[in-house]
Amino acid sequence: MTTHWQKSTYSGDASNCVNVAASAPDTIHLRESDTPEVILTTTTDRLRHLIHTLKSAR
């Protein structure tokens, strides 16, 4: 199975980007363009919770 990576809309136009891929209905993979061999795997609910927490901490 080939993983389809796409640049996160949160990355903007910077060269250091966050790439996102989905491999199952509830599985999300994240990696930085600087170190693409390091991949964080999480669920959609946990990622949603993390983003919500980070936004509300402003």
PDB file of N, CA and C in Angstrom:
ATOM      1  N   MET A   1       0.831  -1.179   0.000  1.00  0.00           N
ATOM      2  CA  MET A   1       0.000   0.000   0.000  1.00  0.00           C
ATOM      3  C   MET A   1       0.887   1.259   0.000  1.00  0.00           C
ATOM      4  N   THR A   2       0.595   2.187  -0.887  1.00  0.00           N
ATOM      5  CA  THR A   2       1.324   3.438  -0.971  1.00  0.00           C
ATOM      6  C   THR A   2       0.634   4.499  -0.131  1.00  0.00           C
ATOM      7  N   THR A   3       1.401   5.182   0.695  1.00  0.00           N
ATOM      8  CA  THR A   3       0.849   6.248   1.530  1.00  0.00           C
ATOM      9  C   THR A   3       0.849   7.540   0.738  1.00  0.00           C
ATOM     10  N   HIS A   4      -0.296   8.188   0.651  1.00  0.00           N
ATOM     11  CA  HIS A   4      -0.424   9.462  -0.060  1.00  0.00           C
ATOM     12  C   HIS A   4      -0.253  10.595   0.946  1.00  0.00           C
ATOM     13  N   TRP A   5       0.902  11.246   0.914  1.00  0.00           N
ATOM     14  CA  TRP A   5       1.201  12.354   1.819  1.00  0.00           C
ATOM     15  C   TRP A   5       0.756  13.657   1.179  1.00  0.00           C
ATOM     16  N   GLN A   6       0.225  14.554   1.995  1.00  0.00           N
ATOM     17  CA  GLN A   6      -0.091  15.897   1.519  1.00  0.00           C
ATOM     18  C   GLN A   6       0.358  16.906   2.562  1.00  0.00           C
ATOM     19  N   LYS A   7       0.697  18.086   2.092  1.00  0.00           N
ATOM     20  CA  LYS A   7       1.152  19.150   2.978  1.00  0.00           C
ATOM     21  C   LYS A   7      -0.046  19.685   3.765  1.00  0.00           C
ATOM     22  N   SER A   8       0.130  19.826   5.050  1.00  0.00           N
ATOM     23  CA  SER A   8      -0.922  20.367   5.905  1.00  0.00           C
ATOM     24  C   SER A   8      -1.199  21.823   5.543  1.00  0.00           C
ATOM     25  N   THR A   9      -2.461  22.211   5.600  1.00  0.00           N
ATOM     26  CA  THR A   9      -2.818  23.605   5.332  1.00  0.00           C
ATOM     27  C   THR A   9      -2.290  24.521   6.415  1.00  0.00           C
ATOM     28  N   TYR A  10      -1.932  23.993   7.564  1.00  0.00           N
ATOM     29  CA  TYR A  10      -1.373  24.788   8.650  1.00  0.00           C
ATOM     30  C   TYR A  10       0.090  25.159   8.400  1.00  0.00           C
ATOM     31  N   SER A  11       0.737  24.517   7.427  1.00  0.00           N
ATOM     32  CA  SER A  11       2.156  24.752   7.173  1.00  0.00           C
ATOM     33  C   SER A  11       2.426  26.045   6.413  1.00  0.00           C
ATOM     34  N   GLY A  12       1.475  26.558   5.685  1.00  0.00           N
ATOM     35  CA  GLY A  12       1.707  27.766   4.902  1.00  0.00           C
ATOM     36  C   GLY A  12       2.659  27.497   3.760  1.00  0.00           C
ATOM     37  N   ASP A  13       3.486  28.482   3.417  1.00  0.00           N
ATOM     38  CA  ASP A  13       4.418  28.335   2.307  1.00  0.00           C
ATOM     39  C   ASP A  13       5.846  28.059   2.764  1.00  0.00           C
ATOM     40  N   ALA A  14       6.057  27.789   4.011  1.00  0.00           N
ATOM     41  CA  ALA A  14       7.401  27.552   4.547  1.00  0.00           C
ATOM     42  C   ALA A  14       7.977  26.253   3.994  1.00  0.00           C
ATOM     43  N   SER A  15       9.293  26.159   3.999  1.00  0.00           N
ATOM     44  CA  SER A  15       9.941  24.935   3.515  1.00  0.00           C
ATOM     45  C   SER A  15       9.892  23.820   4.561  1.00  0.00           C
ATOM     46  N   ASN A  16       9.713  24.161   5.817  1.00  0.00           N
ATOM     47  CA  ASN A  16       9.557  23.168   6.884  1.00  0.00           C
ATOM     48  C   ASN A  16       8.075  22.896   7.055  1.00  0.00           C
ATOM     49  N   CYS A  17       7.619  21.813   6.485  1.00  0.00           N
ATOM     50  CA  CYS A  17       6.180  21.542   6.434  1.00  0.00           C
ATOM     51  C   CYS A  17       5.816  20.309   7.240  1.00  0.00           C
ATOM     52  N   VAL A  18       4.575  20.274   7.658  1.00  0.00           N
ATOM     53  CA  VAL A  18       3.993  19.083   8.252  1.00  0.00           C
ATOM     54  C   VAL A  18       3.215  18.380   7.145  1.00  0.00           C
ATOM     55  N   ASN A  19       3.498  17.083   6.956  1.00  0.00           N
ATOM     56  CA  ASN A  19       2.788  16.278   5.974  1.00  0.00           C
ATOM     57  C   ASN A  19       1.818  15.368   6.701  1.00  0.00           C
ATOM     58  N   VAL A  20       0.657  15.152   6.086  1.00  0.00           N
ATOM     59  CA  VAL A  20      -0.416  14.366   6.688  1.00  0.00           C
ATOM     60  C   VAL A  20      -0.833  13.271   5.709  1.00  0.00           C
ATOM     61  N   ALA A  21      -1.148  12.090   6.245  1.00  0.00           N
ATOM     62  CA  ALA A  21      -1.658  10.993   5.421  1.00  0.00           C
ATOM     63  C   ALA A  21      -2.645  10.176   6.248  1.00  0.00           C
ATOM     64  N   ALA A  22      -3.622   9.605   5.580  1.00  0.00           N
ATOM     65  CA  ALA A  22      -4.587   8.715   6.232  1.00  0.00           C
ATOM     66  C   ALA A  22      -4.405   7.317   5.655  1.00  0.00           C
ATOM     67  N   SER A  23      -4.372   6.313   6.529  1.00  0.00           N
ATOM     68  CA  SER A  23      -4.188   4.941   6.044  1.00  0.00           C
ATOM     69  C   SER A  23      -5.392   4.063   6.338  1.00  0.00           C
ATOM     70  N   ALA A  24      -6.286   4.535   7.163  1.00  0.00           N
ATOM     71  CA  ALA A  24      -7.507   3.817   7.516  1.00  0.00           C
ATOM     72  C   ALA A  24      -8.541   4.880   7.894  1.00  0.00           C
ATOM     73  N   PRO A  25      -9.793   4.508   8.017  1.00  0.00           N
ATOM     74  CA  PRO A  25     -10.811   5.524   8.332  1.00  0.00           C
ATOM     75  C   PRO A  25     -10.524   6.357   9.584  1.00  0.00           C
ATOM     76  N   ASP A  26      -9.799   5.800  10.538  1.00  0.00           N
ATOM     77  CA  ASP A  26      -9.570   6.518  11.794  1.00  0.00           C
ATOM     78  C   ASP A  26      -8.089   6.680  12.117  1.00  0.00           C
ATOM     79  N   THR A  27      -7.196   6.459  11.151  1.00  0.00           N
ATOM     80  CA  THR A  27      -5.763   6.516  11.407  1.00  0.00           C
ATOM     81  C   THR A  27      -5.127   7.639  10.593  1.00  0.00           C
ATOM     82  N   ILE A  28      -4.385   8.507  11.282  1.00  0.00           N
ATOM     83  CA  ILE A  28      -3.720   9.640  10.675  1.00  0.00           C
ATOM     84  C   ILE A  28      -2.211   9.528  10.949  1.00  0.00           C
ATOM     85  N   HIS A  29      -1.404   9.815   9.934  1.00  0.00           N
ATOM     86  CA  HIS A  29       0.052   9.821  10.069  1.00  0.00           C
ATOM     87  C   HIS A  29       0.531  11.258   9.850  1.00  0.00           C
ATOM     88  N   LEU A  30       1.498  11.674  10.656  1.00  0.00           N
ATOM     89  CA  LEU A  30       2.080  13.014  10.560  1.00  0.00           C
ATOM     90  C   LEU A  30       3.592  12.886  10.481  1.00  0.00           C
ATOM     91  N   ARG A  31       4.207  13.766   9.686  1.00  0.00           N
ATOM     92  CA  ARG A  31       5.670  13.809   9.629  1.00  0.00           C
ATOM     93  C   ARG A  31       6.094  15.223   9.241  1.00  0.00           C
ATOM     94  N   GLU A  32       7.319  15.566   9.569  1.00  0.00           N
ATOM     95  CA  GLU A  32       7.892  16.851   9.166  1.00  0.00           C
ATOM     96  C   GLU A  32       8.703  16.641   7.901  1.00  0.00           C
ATOM     97  N   SER A  33       8.729  17.652   7.040  1.00  0.00           N
ATOM     98  CA  SER A  33       9.485  17.527   5.799  1.00  0.00           C
ATOM     99  C   SER A  33      10.986  17.405   6.060  1.00  0.00           C
ATOM    100  N   ASP A  34      11.465  17.944   7.173  1.00  0.00           N
ATOM    101  CA  ASP A  34      12.887  17.848   7.524  1.00  0.00           C
ATOM    102  C   ASP A  34      13.313  16.425   7.871  1.00  0.00           C
ATOM    103  N   THR A  35      12.422  15.678   8.512  1.00  0.00           N
ATOM    104  CA  THR A  35      12.731  14.308   8.935  1.00  0.00           C
ATOM    105  C   THR A  35      11.583  13.379   8.536  1.00  0.00           C
ATOM    106  N   PRO A  36      11.441  13.078   7.251  1.00  0.00           N
ATOM    107  CA  PRO A  36      10.299  12.283   6.795  1.00  0.00           C
ATOM    108  C   PRO A  36      10.306  10.834   7.270  1.00  0.00           C
ATOM    109  N   GLU A  37      11.442  10.365   7.777  1.00  0.00           N
ATOM    110  CA  GLU A  37      11.495   8.986   8.266  1.00  0.00           C
ATOM    111  C   GLU A  37      10.868   8.832   9.651  1.00  0.00           C
ATOM    112  N   VAL A  38      10.643   9.948  10.355  1.00  0.00           N
ATOM    113  CA  VAL A  38      10.007   9.923  11.675  1.00  0.00           C
ATOM    114  C   VAL A  38       8.517  10.199  11.479  1.00  0.00           C
ATOM    115  N   ILE A  39       7.693   9.198  11.780  1.00  0.00           N
ATOM    116  CA  ILE A  39       6.258   9.307  11.531  1.00  0.00           C
ATOM    117  C   ILE A  39       5.497   9.097  12.835  1.00  0.00           C
ATOM    118  N   LEU A  40       4.607  10.040  13.125  1.00  0.00           N
ATOM    119  CA  LEU A  40       3.715   9.950  14.278  1.00  0.00           C
ATOM    120  C   LEU A  40       2.374   9.421  13.784  1.00  0.00           C
ATOM    121  N   THR A  41       1.853   8.399  14.428  1.00  0.00           N
ATOM    122  CA  THR A  41       0.568   7.824  14.053  1.00  0.00           C
ATOM    123  C   THR A  41      -0.412   8.029  15.190  1.00  0.00           C
ATOM    124  N   THR A  42      -1.613   8.495  14.843  1.00  0.00           N
ATOM    125  CA  THR A  42      -2.633   8.774  15.850  1.00  0.00           C
ATOM    126  C   THR A  42      -4.016   8.522  15.245  1.00  0.00           C
ATOM    127  N   THR A  43      -5.039   8.755  16.023  1.00  0.00           N
ATOM    128  CA  THR A  43      -6.410   8.638  15.520  1.00  0.00           C
ATOM    129  C   THR A  43      -6.965  10.025  15.225  1.00  0.00           C
ATOM    130  N   THR A  44      -8.021  10.074  14.455  1.00  0.00           N
ATOM    131  CA  THR A  44      -8.622  11.365  14.132  1.00  0.00           C
ATOM    132  C   THR A  44      -9.147  12.064  15.381  1.00  0.00           C
ATOM    133  N   ASP A  45      -9.739  11.318  16.301  1.00  0.00           N
ATOM    134  CA  ASP A  45     -10.254  11.929  17.537  1.00  0.00           C
ATOM    135  C   ASP A  45      -9.141  12.529  18.390  1.00  0.00           C
ATOM    136  N   ARG A  46      -8.041  11.824  18.526  1.00  0.00           N
ATOM    137  CA  ARG A  46      -6.927  12.344  19.331  1.00  0.00           C
ATOM    138  C   ARG A  46      -6.291  13.564  18.677  1.00  0.00           C
ATOM    139  N   LEU A  47      -6.163  13.547  17.351  1.00  0.00           N
ATOM    140  CA  LEU A  47      -5.606  14.703  16.659  1.00  0.00           C
ATOM    141  C   LEU A  47      -6.542  15.904  16.792  1.00  0.00           C
ATOM    142  N   ARG A  48      -7.825  15.690  16.658  1.00  0.00           N
ATOM    143  CA  ARG A  48      -8.816  16.759  16.826  1.00  0.00           C
ATOM    144  C   ARG A  48      -8.721  17.361  18.224  1.00  0.00           C
ATOM    145  N   HIS A  49      -8.589  16.505  19.227  1.00  0.00           N
ATOM    146  CA  HIS A  49      -8.468  16.968  20.611  1.00  0.00           C
ATOM    147  C   HIS A  49      -7.183  17.783  20.804  1.00  0.00           C
ATOM    148  N   LEU A  50      -6.076  17.325  20.239  1.00  0.00           N
ATOM    149  CA  LEU A  50      -4.809  18.053  20.347  1.00  0.00           C
ATOM    150  C   LEU A  50      -4.915  19.429  19.700  1.00  0.00           C
ATOM    151  N   ILE A  51      -5.459  19.505  18.505  1.00  0.00           N
ATOM    152  CA  ILE A  51      -5.603  20.785  17.807  1.00  0.00           C
ATOM    153  C   ILE A  51      -6.509  21.721  18.586  1.00  0.00           C
ATOM    154  N   HIS A  52      -7.606  21.199  19.107  1.00  0.00           N
ATOM    155  CA  HIS A  52      -8.525  22.014  19.912  1.00  0.00           C
ATOM    156  C   HIS A  52      -7.821  22.558  21.159  1.00  0.00           C
ATOM    157  N   THR A  53      -7.046  21.707  21.832  1.00  0.00           N
ATOM    158  CA  THR A  53      -6.317  22.128  23.033  1.00  0.00           C
ATOM    159  C   THR A  53      -5.290  23.202  22.709  1.00  0.00           C
ATOM    160  N   LEU A  54      -4.555  23.023  21.619  1.00  0.00           N
ATOM    161  CA  LEU A  54      -3.543  24.002  21.233  1.00  0.00           C
ATOM    162  C   LEU A  54      -4.181  25.346  20.864  1.00  0.00           C
ATOM    163  N   LYS A  55      -5.291  25.304  20.155  1.00  0.00           N
ATOM    164  CA  LYS A  55      -5.963  26.557  19.778  1.00  0.00           C
ATOM    165  C   LYS A  55      -6.535  27.274  20.976  1.00  0.00           C
ATOM    166  N   SER A  56      -7.057  26.557  21.939  1.00  0.00           N
ATOM    167  CA  SER A  56      -7.673  27.187  23.106  1.00  0.00           C
ATOM    168  C   SER A  56      -6.636  27.692  24.104  1.00  0.00           C
ATOM    169  N   ALA A  57      -5.366  27.296  23.953  1.00  0.00           N
ATOM    170  CA  ALA A  57      -4.313  27.735  24.865  1.00  0.00           C
ATOM    171  C   ALA A  57      -3.755  29.090  24.482  1.00  0.00           C
ATOM    172  N   ARG A  58      -4.210  29.657  23.387  1.00  0.00           N
ATOM    173  CA  ARG A  58      -3.692  30.961  22.916  1.00  0.00           C
ATOM    174  C   ARG A  58      -3.990  32.045  23.870  1.00  0.00           C
TER     175      ARG A  58
END
